[in-house]
């Protein structure tokens, strides 16, 4: 199971995310669920850096990716673009989870 956690402030601003685990939908190298989730998550990190200039803190290893935005970017001119990228990422992951819910779980932290 792939677990995705989206971290948000009380005002719903996304501050980061964590993706961990493996789908085991198919053999390694053929697992379209893992490939899809990985492409979306890594693509979001790359898009934040390339399109906004914001360099988030990241940790990545097999089966794990965590990204945290620097606090300074949350009030910067790039903040709206960053949020659009991360909200798009969340919607793409929700779409994957809708089709492959036995293999992907998404949760949100910080909103009560």
N, C-alpha and C. Protein backbone atom coordinates (compact mmCIF):
# COMPACT_ATOMS: atom_id res chain seq x y z
N UNK A 1 0.85 -1.19 0.00
CA UNK A 1 0.00 0.00 0.00
C UNK A 1 0.88 1.24 0.00
N UNK A 2 0.54 2.17 -0.87
CA UNK A 2 1.21 3.47 -0.88
C UNK A 2 0.39 4.41 0.00
N UNK A 3 1.04 5.05 0.95
CA UNK A 3 0.40 6.03 1.82
C UNK A 3 0.89 7.42 1.45
N UNK A 4 -0.05 8.30 1.19
CA UNK A 4 0.27 9.70 0.86
C UNK A 4 -0.31 10.56 1.97
N UNK A 5 0.51 11.40 2.55
CA UNK A 5 0.05 12.37 3.55
C UNK A 5 0.30 13.76 3.00
N UNK A 6 -0.74 14.56 2.99
CA UNK A 6 -0.63 15.96 2.58
C UNK A 6 -0.67 16.79 3.85
N UNK A 7 0.36 17.60 4.08
CA UNK A 7 0.42 18.43 5.27
C UNK A 7 -0.09 19.83 4.95
N UNK A 8 -1.02 20.31 5.77
CA UNK A 8 -1.63 21.62 5.57
C UNK A 8 -1.60 22.43 6.86
N UNK A 9 -1.54 23.75 6.69
CA UNK A 9 -1.73 24.67 7.82
C UNK A 9 -3.23 24.76 8.11
N UNK A 10 -3.58 25.42 9.20
CA UNK A 10 -4.98 25.59 9.57
C UNK A 10 -5.77 26.34 8.49
N UNK A 11 -5.10 27.19 7.72
CA UNK A 11 -5.78 27.94 6.66
C UNK A 11 -5.83 27.18 5.33
N UNK A 12 -5.51 25.88 5.38
CA UNK A 12 -5.57 24.95 4.23
C UNK A 12 -4.39 25.04 3.29
N UNK A 13 -3.41 25.89 3.57
CA UNK A 13 -2.22 25.99 2.72
C UNK A 13 -1.40 24.70 2.87
N UNK A 14 -1.04 24.11 1.74
CA UNK A 14 -0.21 22.91 1.76
C UNK A 14 1.22 23.31 2.09
N UNK A 15 1.80 22.63 3.09
CA UNK A 15 3.17 22.92 3.50
C UNK A 15 4.13 21.81 3.11
N UNK A 16 3.60 20.67 2.71
CA UNK A 16 4.45 19.56 2.30
C UNK A 16 3.65 18.30 2.12
N UNK A 17 4.37 17.22 1.82
CA UNK A 17 3.72 15.92 1.67
C UNK A 17 4.73 14.82 1.89
N UNK A 18 4.21 13.61 2.15
CA UNK A 18 5.04 12.42 2.30
C UNK A 18 4.36 11.27 1.55
N UNK A 19 5.14 10.57 0.75
CA UNK A 19 4.67 9.39 0.04
C UNK A 19 5.55 8.23 0.51
N UNK A 20 4.92 7.15 0.98
CA UNK A 20 5.71 6.02 1.46
C UNK A 20 5.03 4.71 1.11
N UNK A 21 5.84 3.69 0.95
CA UNK A 21 5.33 2.36 0.68
C UNK A 21 5.38 1.99 -0.79
N UNK A 22 4.86 0.80 -1.07
CA UNK A 22 4.81 0.27 -2.42
C UNK A 22 3.41 -0.26 -2.68
N UNK A 23 2.95 -0.16 -3.90
CA UNK A 23 1.60 -0.61 -4.23
C UNK A 23 1.52 -2.13 -4.33
N UNK A 24 2.54 -2.77 -4.85
CA UNK A 24 2.52 -4.21 -5.13
C UNK A 24 1.36 -4.57 -6.06
N UNK A 25 1.03 -3.67 -6.95
CA UNK A 25 0.00 -3.91 -7.96
C UNK A 25 0.50 -4.93 -8.98
N UNK A 26 1.80 -4.90 -9.26
CA UNK A 26 2.43 -5.79 -10.22
C UNK A 26 3.90 -5.93 -9.84
N UNK A 27 4.63 -6.70 -10.62
CA UNK A 27 6.06 -6.88 -10.37
C UNK A 27 6.79 -5.55 -10.50
N UNK A 28 7.91 -5.40 -9.75
CA UNK A 28 8.71 -4.18 -9.92
C UNK A 28 9.07 -3.97 -11.39
N UNK A 29 8.97 -2.75 -11.84
CA UNK A 29 9.22 -2.43 -13.23
C UNK A 29 7.98 -2.51 -14.09
N UNK A 30 6.93 -3.14 -13.58
CA UNK A 30 5.66 -3.25 -14.31
C UNK A 30 4.51 -2.64 -13.51
N UNK A 31 4.81 -2.11 -12.33
CA UNK A 31 3.78 -1.62 -11.41
C UNK A 31 3.34 -0.21 -11.81
N UNK A 32 2.22 -0.14 -12.54
CA UNK A 32 1.75 1.16 -13.04
C UNK A 32 1.27 2.07 -11.92
N UNK A 33 0.83 1.51 -10.80
CA UNK A 33 0.36 2.34 -9.69
C UNK A 33 1.56 3.05 -9.04
N UNK A 34 2.61 2.30 -8.75
CA UNK A 34 3.82 2.91 -8.18
C UNK A 34 4.40 3.93 -9.15
N UNK A 35 4.44 3.57 -10.42
CA UNK A 35 5.01 4.48 -11.41
C UNK A 35 4.20 5.77 -11.50
N UNK A 36 2.88 5.66 -11.48
CA UNK A 36 2.02 6.84 -11.57
C UNK A 36 2.18 7.75 -10.37
N UNK A 37 2.13 7.17 -9.17
CA UNK A 37 2.27 7.97 -7.95
C UNK A 37 3.65 8.62 -7.90
N UNK A 38 4.69 7.86 -8.25
CA UNK A 38 6.04 8.41 -8.24
C UNK A 38 6.20 9.55 -9.23
N UNK A 39 5.66 9.37 -10.42
CA UNK A 39 5.78 10.42 -11.44
C UNK A 39 5.09 11.70 -11.00
N UNK A 40 3.91 11.56 -10.41
CA UNK A 40 3.17 12.75 -9.97
C UNK A 40 3.90 13.45 -8.82
N UNK A 41 4.35 12.69 -7.82
CA UNK A 41 5.00 13.29 -6.65
C UNK A 41 6.35 13.92 -7.00
N UNK A 42 7.19 13.18 -7.72
CA UNK A 42 8.50 13.72 -8.09
C UNK A 42 8.32 14.88 -9.07
N UNK A 43 7.37 14.75 -9.97
CA UNK A 43 7.08 15.84 -10.91
C UNK A 43 6.65 17.11 -10.21
N UNK A 44 5.89 16.97 -9.12
CA UNK A 44 5.46 18.15 -8.36
C UNK A 44 6.65 18.85 -7.72
N UNK A 45 7.55 18.09 -7.13
CA UNK A 45 8.76 18.68 -6.53
C UNK A 45 9.56 19.40 -7.61
N UNK A 46 9.76 18.73 -8.74
CA UNK A 46 10.53 19.34 -9.83
C UNK A 46 9.85 20.59 -10.37
N UNK A 47 8.52 20.56 -10.47
CA UNK A 47 7.77 21.73 -10.97
C UNK A 47 7.88 22.90 -10.00
N UNK A 48 7.80 22.64 -8.70
CA UNK A 48 7.95 23.72 -7.72
C UNK A 48 9.29 24.41 -7.92
N UNK A 49 10.35 23.61 -8.03
CA UNK A 49 11.68 24.19 -8.19
C UNK A 49 11.83 24.92 -9.53
N UNK A 50 11.44 24.27 -10.61
CA UNK A 50 11.67 24.82 -11.95
C UNK A 50 10.79 26.02 -12.26
N UNK A 51 9.55 26.01 -11.79
CA UNK A 51 8.61 27.05 -12.18
C UNK A 51 8.50 28.21 -11.19
N UNK A 52 8.97 27.99 -9.95
CA UNK A 52 8.83 29.05 -8.95
C UNK A 52 10.16 29.48 -8.35
N UNK A 53 11.19 28.67 -8.50
CA UNK A 53 12.48 28.98 -7.88
C UNK A 53 12.55 28.61 -6.42
N UNK A 54 11.46 28.12 -5.85
CA UNK A 54 11.45 27.69 -4.45
C UNK A 54 12.11 26.32 -4.37
N UNK A 55 13.05 26.18 -3.46
CA UNK A 55 13.74 24.90 -3.27
C UNK A 55 13.27 24.29 -1.95
N UNK A 56 12.38 23.30 -2.04
CA UNK A 56 11.88 22.69 -0.81
C UNK A 56 12.90 21.72 -0.23
N UNK A 57 12.75 21.43 1.05
CA UNK A 57 13.54 20.38 1.69
C UNK A 57 12.95 19.05 1.26
N UNK A 58 13.79 18.15 0.77
CA UNK A 58 13.30 16.86 0.31
C UNK A 58 14.16 15.74 0.88
N UNK A 59 13.52 14.60 1.03
CA UNK A 59 14.21 13.36 1.38
C UNK A 59 13.63 12.30 0.48
N UNK A 60 14.49 11.57 -0.23
CA UNK A 60 14.00 10.56 -1.14
C UNK A 60 14.88 9.32 -1.07
N UNK A 61 14.22 8.18 -1.00
CA UNK A 61 14.88 6.88 -1.07
C UNK A 61 13.85 5.92 -1.65
N UNK A 62 14.23 4.72 -2.01
CA UNK A 62 13.25 3.80 -2.59
C UNK A 62 12.02 3.65 -1.69
N UNK A 63 10.86 3.89 -2.26
CA UNK A 63 9.60 3.77 -1.51
C UNK A 63 9.29 4.92 -0.59
N UNK A 64 10.00 6.04 -0.72
CA UNK A 64 9.79 7.15 0.20
C UNK A 64 10.17 8.48 -0.46
N UNK A 65 9.28 9.46 -0.33
CA UNK A 65 9.58 10.84 -0.74
C UNK A 65 8.87 11.77 0.23
N UNK A 66 9.62 12.68 0.80
CA UNK A 66 9.02 13.71 1.66
C UNK A 66 9.50 15.06 1.18
N UNK A 67 8.58 16.02 1.12
CA UNK A 67 8.89 17.38 0.73
C UNK A 67 8.26 18.34 1.73
N UNK A 68 9.04 19.32 2.18
CA UNK A 68 8.54 20.37 3.06
C UNK A 68 8.95 21.71 2.46
N UNK A 69 7.99 22.60 2.36
CA UNK A 69 8.28 23.94 1.84
C UNK A 69 9.00 24.76 2.91
N UNK A 70 9.93 25.60 2.51
CA UNK A 70 10.53 26.51 3.49
C UNK A 70 9.47 27.52 3.95
N UNK A 71 9.50 27.86 5.22
CA UNK A 71 8.50 28.78 5.78
C UNK A 71 8.48 30.11 5.03
N UNK A 72 9.62 30.57 4.59
CA UNK A 72 9.70 31.87 3.90
C UNK A 72 8.91 31.88 2.60
N UNK A 73 8.77 30.75 1.95
CA UNK A 73 8.07 30.74 0.65
C UNK A 73 6.57 30.89 0.83
N UNK A 74 6.06 30.62 2.00
CA UNK A 74 4.61 30.66 2.21
C UNK A 74 4.05 32.08 2.10
N UNK A 75 4.91 33.08 2.23
CA UNK A 75 4.48 34.47 2.11
C UNK A 75 5.18 35.17 0.95
N UNK A 76 5.76 34.39 0.05
CA UNK A 76 6.52 34.98 -1.04
C UNK A 76 5.64 35.20 -2.26
N UNK A 77 6.20 35.87 -3.25
CA UNK A 77 5.48 36.11 -4.50
C UNK A 77 5.17 34.80 -5.22
N UNK A 78 5.95 33.76 -4.96
CA UNK A 78 5.76 32.47 -5.62
C UNK A 78 4.73 31.58 -4.92
N UNK A 79 4.24 32.00 -3.77
CA UNK A 79 3.37 31.15 -2.95
C UNK A 79 2.14 30.66 -3.70
N UNK A 80 1.50 31.51 -4.47
CA UNK A 80 0.29 31.10 -5.19
C UNK A 80 0.60 30.04 -6.23
N UNK A 81 1.71 30.20 -6.96
CA UNK A 81 2.11 29.20 -7.95
C UNK A 81 2.42 27.87 -7.27
N UNK A 82 3.15 27.94 -6.17
CA UNK A 82 3.50 26.72 -5.44
C UNK A 82 2.23 25.99 -5.01
N UNK A 83 1.27 26.73 -4.48
CA UNK A 83 0.03 26.09 -4.04
C UNK A 83 -0.74 25.48 -5.21
N UNK A 84 -0.74 26.15 -6.35
CA UNK A 84 -1.42 25.60 -7.52
C UNK A 84 -0.78 24.28 -7.94
N UNK A 85 0.53 24.23 -7.93
CA UNK A 85 1.23 22.99 -8.28
C UNK A 85 0.88 21.88 -7.29
N UNK A 86 0.92 22.18 -6.00
CA UNK A 86 0.66 21.15 -4.99
C UNK A 86 -0.80 20.73 -4.95
N UNK A 87 -1.72 21.65 -5.17
CA UNK A 87 -3.14 21.29 -5.25
C UNK A 87 -3.39 20.40 -6.47
N UNK A 88 -2.71 20.70 -7.58
CA UNK A 88 -2.82 19.87 -8.78
C UNK A 88 -2.28 18.48 -8.50
N UNK A 89 -1.14 18.40 -7.83
CA UNK A 89 -0.58 17.11 -7.45
C UNK A 89 -1.57 16.30 -6.63
N UNK A 90 -2.20 16.96 -5.64
CA UNK A 90 -3.16 16.26 -4.79
C UNK A 90 -4.32 15.72 -5.62
N UNK A 91 -4.84 16.52 -6.54
CA UNK A 91 -5.95 16.06 -7.38
C UNK A 91 -5.54 14.89 -8.27
N UNK A 92 -4.33 14.93 -8.79
CA UNK A 92 -3.84 13.82 -9.62
C UNK A 92 -3.71 12.54 -8.79
N UNK A 93 -3.21 12.66 -7.57
CA UNK A 93 -3.09 11.49 -6.69
C UNK A 93 -4.46 10.97 -6.29
N UNK A 94 -5.41 11.87 -6.04
CA UNK A 94 -6.79 11.43 -5.73
C UNK A 94 -7.40 10.67 -6.91
N UNK A 95 -7.09 11.09 -8.12
CA UNK A 95 -7.58 10.40 -9.30
C UNK A 95 -7.01 8.98 -9.37
N UNK A 96 -5.72 8.84 -9.08
CA UNK A 96 -5.12 7.51 -9.05
C UNK A 96 -5.77 6.67 -7.96
N UNK A 97 -5.96 7.25 -6.78
CA UNK A 97 -6.57 6.53 -5.66
C UNK A 97 -8.01 6.12 -5.97
N UNK A 98 -8.73 6.94 -6.73
CA UNK A 98 -10.10 6.58 -7.12
C UNK A 98 -10.11 5.30 -7.96
N UNK A 99 -9.12 5.16 -8.80
CA UNK A 99 -9.06 3.98 -9.67
C UNK A 99 -8.38 2.78 -9.01
N UNK A 100 -7.46 3.04 -8.11
CA UNK A 100 -6.65 1.98 -7.51
C UNK A 100 -6.65 2.09 -5.98
N UNK A 101 -7.84 2.25 -5.41
CA UNK A 101 -7.99 2.48 -3.97
C UNK A 101 -7.46 1.38 -3.08
N UNK A 102 -7.34 0.17 -3.60
CA UNK A 102 -6.78 -0.91 -2.80
C UNK A 102 -5.27 -0.80 -2.66
N UNK A 103 -4.67 0.12 -3.41
CA UNK A 103 -3.22 0.23 -3.46
C UNK A 103 -2.69 1.59 -3.03
N UNK A 104 -3.57 2.60 -2.92
CA UNK A 104 -3.16 3.97 -2.58
C UNK A 104 -4.13 4.54 -1.56
N UNK A 105 -3.58 5.08 -0.48
CA UNK A 105 -4.39 5.74 0.55
C UNK A 105 -3.87 7.17 0.72
N UNK A 106 -4.78 8.13 0.74
CA UNK A 106 -4.40 9.55 0.88
C UNK A 106 -5.03 10.09 2.15
N UNK A 107 -4.22 10.77 2.94
CA UNK A 107 -4.73 11.42 4.13
C UNK A 107 -4.20 12.85 4.18
N UNK A 108 -4.91 13.68 4.94
CA UNK A 108 -4.52 15.07 5.11
C UNK A 108 -4.30 15.34 6.59
N UNK A 109 -3.23 16.03 6.88
CA UNK A 109 -2.93 16.38 8.27
C UNK A 109 -2.89 17.88 8.42
N UNK A 110 -3.40 18.36 9.55
CA UNK A 110 -3.34 19.77 9.84
C UNK A 110 -4.70 20.45 9.76
N UNK A 111 -5.64 19.86 9.05
CA UNK A 111 -7.00 20.42 8.97
C UNK A 111 -7.88 19.64 9.92
N UNK A 112 -8.49 20.31 10.81
CA UNK A 112 -9.39 19.65 11.77
C UNK A 112 -10.79 20.19 11.60
